[in-house]
Amino acid sequence: MIPKLTFGRTGHESTRIIFGAAALSAVTQDEADRTIELFLEYGINHIDVAASYGEAEDRLGPWLKDHRDEVFLATKTGERTYQPAYDQIRRSLERMQVDNIDLIQLHNLAEADEWEVALGAGGALEAAIRARDEGLVKYIGVTGHGVGIADMHKRSLARFDFDSVLLPYNYPMMQNPQYAADFESLATVCLERNVAFQTIKAITKAPWGDRPHTTSTW
């Protein structure tokens, strides 16, 4: 079975490999059900999805409505302003057929102008806080891509006490001296503040040379 680690201050013992439900964005319900069965065989108990992942939230719904308490459930909103973000959070719960989720994340908050909107007055962060106050979500996190995201996450943590961050970690990106330094600095901050630290794109699986792309990696 996959080892577990406490997911920051949430106290949840999450498997060190979590299920990225983007894989369910364009599959049939039968394929989704078989995929869920497979990751459960390995003891994975943490699902990460997003409103923008095609039909993924809908595909999780039939299983989640009867097994909600068996997993740590995280989704994301890519909206930047208050009402659209709040509406999207509510819609995600409806799609997944659940009353609440464990973690809502501001999705790919990497651009400075979007950052100012999302974390400012009338922004998506206020919607996430409202959802938390209403018991729809328990924790609030932030995610992102690109070589500037580690530094941006540090800015986000300086503005608000997020419960989790998510960003890339792989050999090619860590060859960028600035990204490597920012990544290590962010990791230190998260350790000091007990912020859950999630990494993505570790395998960096892509076509080699001119070979055809045979996987659905992003």
Protein backbone atom coordinates (compact mmCIF):
# COMPACT_ATOMS: atom_id res chain seq x y z
CA MET A 1 0.00 0.00 0.00
CA ILE A 2 1.07 3.58 -0.59
CA PRO A 3 2.57 5.30 2.48
CA LYS A 4 0.68 8.18 4.08
CA LEU A 5 1.68 11.60 5.37
CA THR A 6 -0.23 14.16 7.39
CA PHE A 7 -1.66 16.73 4.96
CA GLY A 8 -0.47 19.89 6.64
CA ARG A 9 -2.61 21.32 9.40
CA THR A 10 -5.71 19.44 8.22
CA GLY A 11 -4.65 16.39 10.20
CA HIS A 12 -5.73 14.07 7.40
CA GLU A 13 -3.41 11.16 6.71
CA SER A 14 -3.30 11.37 2.92
CA THR A 15 -1.57 8.84 0.71
CA ARG A 16 1.66 10.32 -0.62
CA ILE A 17 0.31 9.78 -4.11
CA ILE A 18 -3.09 11.37 -4.63
CA PHE A 19 -5.46 10.83 -7.53
CA GLY A 20 -5.43 13.64 -10.06
CA ALA A 21 -8.94 13.43 -11.48
CA ALA A 22 -8.09 15.37 -14.63
CA ALA A 23 -7.71 11.82 -15.95
CA LEU A 24 -11.51 11.56 -15.88
CA SER A 25 -12.13 14.70 -17.94
CA ALA A 26 -13.16 12.91 -21.14
CA VAL A 27 -14.00 9.29 -20.30
CA THR A 28 -17.19 7.28 -20.02
CA GLN A 29 -18.79 6.58 -16.66
CA ASP A 30 -17.74 2.94 -16.94
CA GLU A 31 -14.13 3.94 -17.52
CA ALA A 32 -14.30 6.33 -14.57
CA ASP A 33 -15.77 3.64 -12.31
CA ARG A 34 -12.99 1.21 -13.23
CA THR A 35 -10.38 3.89 -12.63
CA ILE A 36 -11.78 4.59 -9.17
CA GLU A 37 -11.71 0.87 -8.38
CA LEU A 38 -8.07 0.74 -9.42
CA PHE A 39 -6.82 3.60 -7.24
CA LEU A 40 -8.81 2.26 -4.30
CA GLU A 41 -6.98 -1.05 -4.67
CA TYR A 42 -3.77 0.82 -3.88
CA GLY A 43 -5.29 2.57 -0.89
CA ILE A 44 -5.33 6.07 -2.38
CA ASN A 45 -7.57 8.20 -0.17
CA HIS A 46 -7.19 11.71 -1.59
CA ILE A 47 -8.82 13.00 -4.79
CA ASP A 48 -7.85 16.25 -6.49
CA VAL A 49 -10.17 17.55 -9.20
CA ALA A 50 -11.22 20.93 -10.65
CA ALA A 51 -14.32 22.54 -12.08
CA SER A 52 -12.47 22.99 -15.37
CA TYR A 53 -11.52 19.31 -15.74
CA GLY A 54 -14.16 18.50 -18.33
CA GLU A 55 -16.64 15.96 -16.98
CA ALA A 56 -14.40 14.79 -14.12
CA GLU A 57 -16.55 16.11 -11.27
CA ASP A 58 -19.64 14.51 -12.82
CA ARG A 59 -17.83 11.19 -13.22
CA LEU A 60 -16.86 11.16 -9.54
CA GLY A 61 -20.40 11.90 -8.38
CA PRO A 62 -22.00 8.44 -8.54
CA TRP A 63 -19.25 6.99 -6.35
CA LEU A 64 -18.87 9.96 -4.01
CA LYS A 65 -22.56 10.15 -3.09
CA ASP A 66 -22.19 6.84 -1.23
CA HIS A 67 -18.51 7.02 -0.19
CA ARG A 68 -17.86 10.67 0.63
CA ASP A 69 -16.30 9.97 4.02
CA GLU A 70 -13.73 7.56 2.57
CA VAL A 71 -11.58 10.21 0.87
CA PHE A 72 -10.13 13.67 1.29
CA LEU A 73 -11.83 15.58 -1.51
CA ALA A 74 -10.32 18.66 -3.13
CA THR A 75 -11.48 20.71 -6.09
CA LYS A 76 -10.58 24.06 -7.62
CA THR A 77 -12.20 27.21 -8.94
CA GLY A 78 -10.60 29.14 -11.75
CA GLU A 79 -12.92 32.10 -11.31
CA ARG A 80 -11.30 35.28 -10.04
CA THR A 81 -14.24 37.32 -8.75
CA TYR A 82 -16.59 36.70 -5.85
CA GLN A 83 -19.97 35.67 -7.25
CA PRO A 84 -18.74 33.53 -10.16
CA ALA A 85 -16.33 31.74 -7.80
CA TYR A 86 -19.00 31.13 -5.17
CA ASP A 87 -21.44 29.87 -7.79
CA GLN A 88 -18.80 27.56 -9.21
CA ILE A 89 -18.04 26.10 -5.78
CA ARG A 90 -21.73 25.36 -5.26
CA ARG A 91 -21.95 23.86 -8.73
CA SER A 92 -18.95 21.61 -8.04
CA LEU A 93 -20.69 20.18 -4.98
CA GLU A 94 -23.80 19.51 -7.05
CA ARG A 95 -21.82 17.82 -9.81
CA MET A 96 -20.02 15.58 -7.31
CA GLN A 97 -23.26 14.88 -5.41
CA VAL A 98 -21.79 15.87 -2.04
CA ASP A 99 -22.76 18.31 0.70
CA ASN A 100 -19.21 19.49 1.36
CA ILE A 101 -15.59 19.09 0.32
CA ASP A 102 -12.38 19.17 2.30
CA LEU A 103 -10.37 21.63 0.22
CA ILE A 104 -11.21 24.38 -2.27
CA GLN A 105 -8.23 25.72 -4.21
CA LEU A 106 -7.80 28.87 -6.27
CA HIS A 107 -6.78 27.34 -9.59
CA ASN A 108 -3.54 28.36 -11.32
CA LEU A 109 -3.14 31.71 -9.58
CA ALA A 110 0.04 32.58 -11.46
CA GLU A 111 -0.50 35.94 -13.15
CA ALA A 112 -0.03 39.15 -11.17
CA ASP A 113 -3.16 40.86 -12.48
CA GLU A 114 -5.37 37.85 -11.75
CA TRP A 115 -3.73 37.50 -8.34
CA GLU A 116 -4.70 41.05 -7.41
CA VAL A 117 -8.31 40.45 -8.42
CA ALA A 118 -8.69 37.04 -6.77
CA LEU A 119 -7.12 38.08 -3.46
CA GLY A 120 -8.56 41.59 -3.41
CA ALA A 121 -11.92 42.98 -2.34
CA GLY A 122 -14.73 41.17 -4.11
CA GLY A 123 -12.37 38.43 -5.24
CA ALA A 124 -12.53 34.65 -5.36
CA LEU A 125 -10.81 34.33 -1.99
CA GLU A 126 -13.77 36.00 -0.31
CA ALA A 127 -16.05 33.44 -1.96
CA ALA A 128 -13.89 30.60 -0.65
CA ILE A 129 -13.99 32.08 2.85
CA ARG A 130 -17.78 32.35 2.66
CA ALA A 131 -17.99 28.72 1.55
CA ARG A 132 -15.79 27.75 4.50
CA ASP A 133 -17.94 29.75 6.91
CA GLU A 134 -21.04 28.00 5.57
CA GLY A 135 -19.51 24.55 6.04
CA LEU A 136 -19.31 23.83 2.32
CA VAL A 137 -15.51 23.53 2.47
CA LYS A 138 -13.08 22.99 5.33
CA TYR A 139 -9.81 24.36 3.96
CA ILE A 140 -8.57 26.80 1.33
CA GLY A 141 -5.54 26.34 -0.91
CA VAL A 142 -3.85 27.76 -3.99
CA THR A 143 -2.36 26.07 -7.06
CA GLY A 144 -0.33 27.04 -10.09
CA HIS A 145 1.99 26.24 -12.97
CA GLY A 146 5.11 27.75 -14.53
CA VAL A 147 8.55 28.84 -13.39
CA GLY A 148 7.24 31.83 -11.45
CA ILE A 149 4.68 29.98 -9.35
CA ALA A 150 6.84 29.16 -6.32
CA ASP A 151 7.52 32.84 -5.76
CA MET A 152 3.86 33.68 -6.41
CA HIS A 153 2.78 31.14 -3.80
CA LYS A 154 5.05 32.88 -1.29
CA ARG A 155 3.25 36.13 -2.10
CA SER A 156 -0.08 34.38 -1.63
CA LEU A 157 0.94 33.04 1.78
CA ALA A 158 2.03 36.52 2.80
CA ARG A 159 -1.44 37.82 1.91
CA PHE A 160 -3.57 34.99 3.35
CA ASP A 161 -3.01 31.94 5.53
CA PHE A 162 -3.71 29.28 2.90
CA ASP A 163 -3.89 25.68 4.10
CA SER A 164 -2.18 24.18 1.06
CA VAL A 165 -0.16 24.95 -2.06
CA LEU A 166 0.34 22.93 -5.25
CA LEU A 167 3.07 23.40 -7.86
CA PRO A 168 5.36 21.50 -10.27
CA TYR A 169 8.42 19.57 -9.14
CA ASN A 170 10.55 17.67 -11.64
CA TYR A 171 14.10 17.37 -12.90
CA PRO A 172 13.86 19.81 -15.85
CA MET A 173 12.26 22.58 -13.80
CA MET A 174 14.70 22.16 -10.93
CA GLN A 175 17.54 22.82 -13.37
CA ASN A 176 16.29 26.41 -13.47
CA PRO A 177 18.33 28.04 -10.67
CA GLN A 178 15.71 30.66 -9.86
CA TYR A 179 12.86 28.16 -9.74
CA ALA A 180 14.91 25.78 -7.61
CA ALA A 181 15.73 28.55 -5.14
CA ASP A 182 12.12 29.76 -5.01
CA PHE A 183 10.87 26.19 -4.61
CA GLU A 184 13.16 25.48 -1.66
CA SER A 185 12.27 28.82 -0.06
CA LEU A 186 8.56 28.08 -0.41
CA ALA A 187 9.05 24.59 1.02
CA THR A 188 10.71 26.11 4.08
CA VAL A 189 7.85 28.56 4.61
CA CYS A 190 5.28 25.77 4.29
CA LEU A 191 7.14 23.57 6.74
CA GLU A 192 7.35 26.39 9.28
CA ARG A 193 3.64 27.20 8.94
CA ASN A 194 2.39 23.62 8.54
CA VAL A 195 0.98 24.33 5.08
CA ALA A 196 0.31 21.21 3.01
CA PHE A 197 2.81 21.03 0.14
CA GLN A 198 1.68 19.25 -3.04
CA THR A 199 3.80 18.63 -6.13
CA ILE A 200 2.69 17.79 -9.66
CA LYS A 201 4.25 16.89 -13.03
CA ALA A 202 6.93 14.78 -11.33
CA ILE A 203 7.13 12.23 -14.14
CA THR A 204 7.13 14.80 -17.00
CA LYS A 205 5.94 12.11 -19.37
CA ALA A 206 5.85 13.44 -22.91
CA PRO A 207 6.67 12.23 -26.45
CA TRP A 208 10.33 11.54 -27.16
CA GLY A 209 11.50 13.23 -30.33
CA ASP A 210 8.96 12.80 -33.11
CA ARG A 211 7.26 9.78 -31.59
CA PRO A 212 3.46 10.00 -31.33
CA HIS A 213 1.89 11.19 -28.10
CA THR A 214 0.32 8.03 -26.65
CA THR A 215 -0.69 9.30 -23.21
CA SER A 216 -3.08 11.96 -21.97
CA THR A 217 -0.51 13.81 -19.88
CA TRP A 218 -0.78 17.60 -19.79
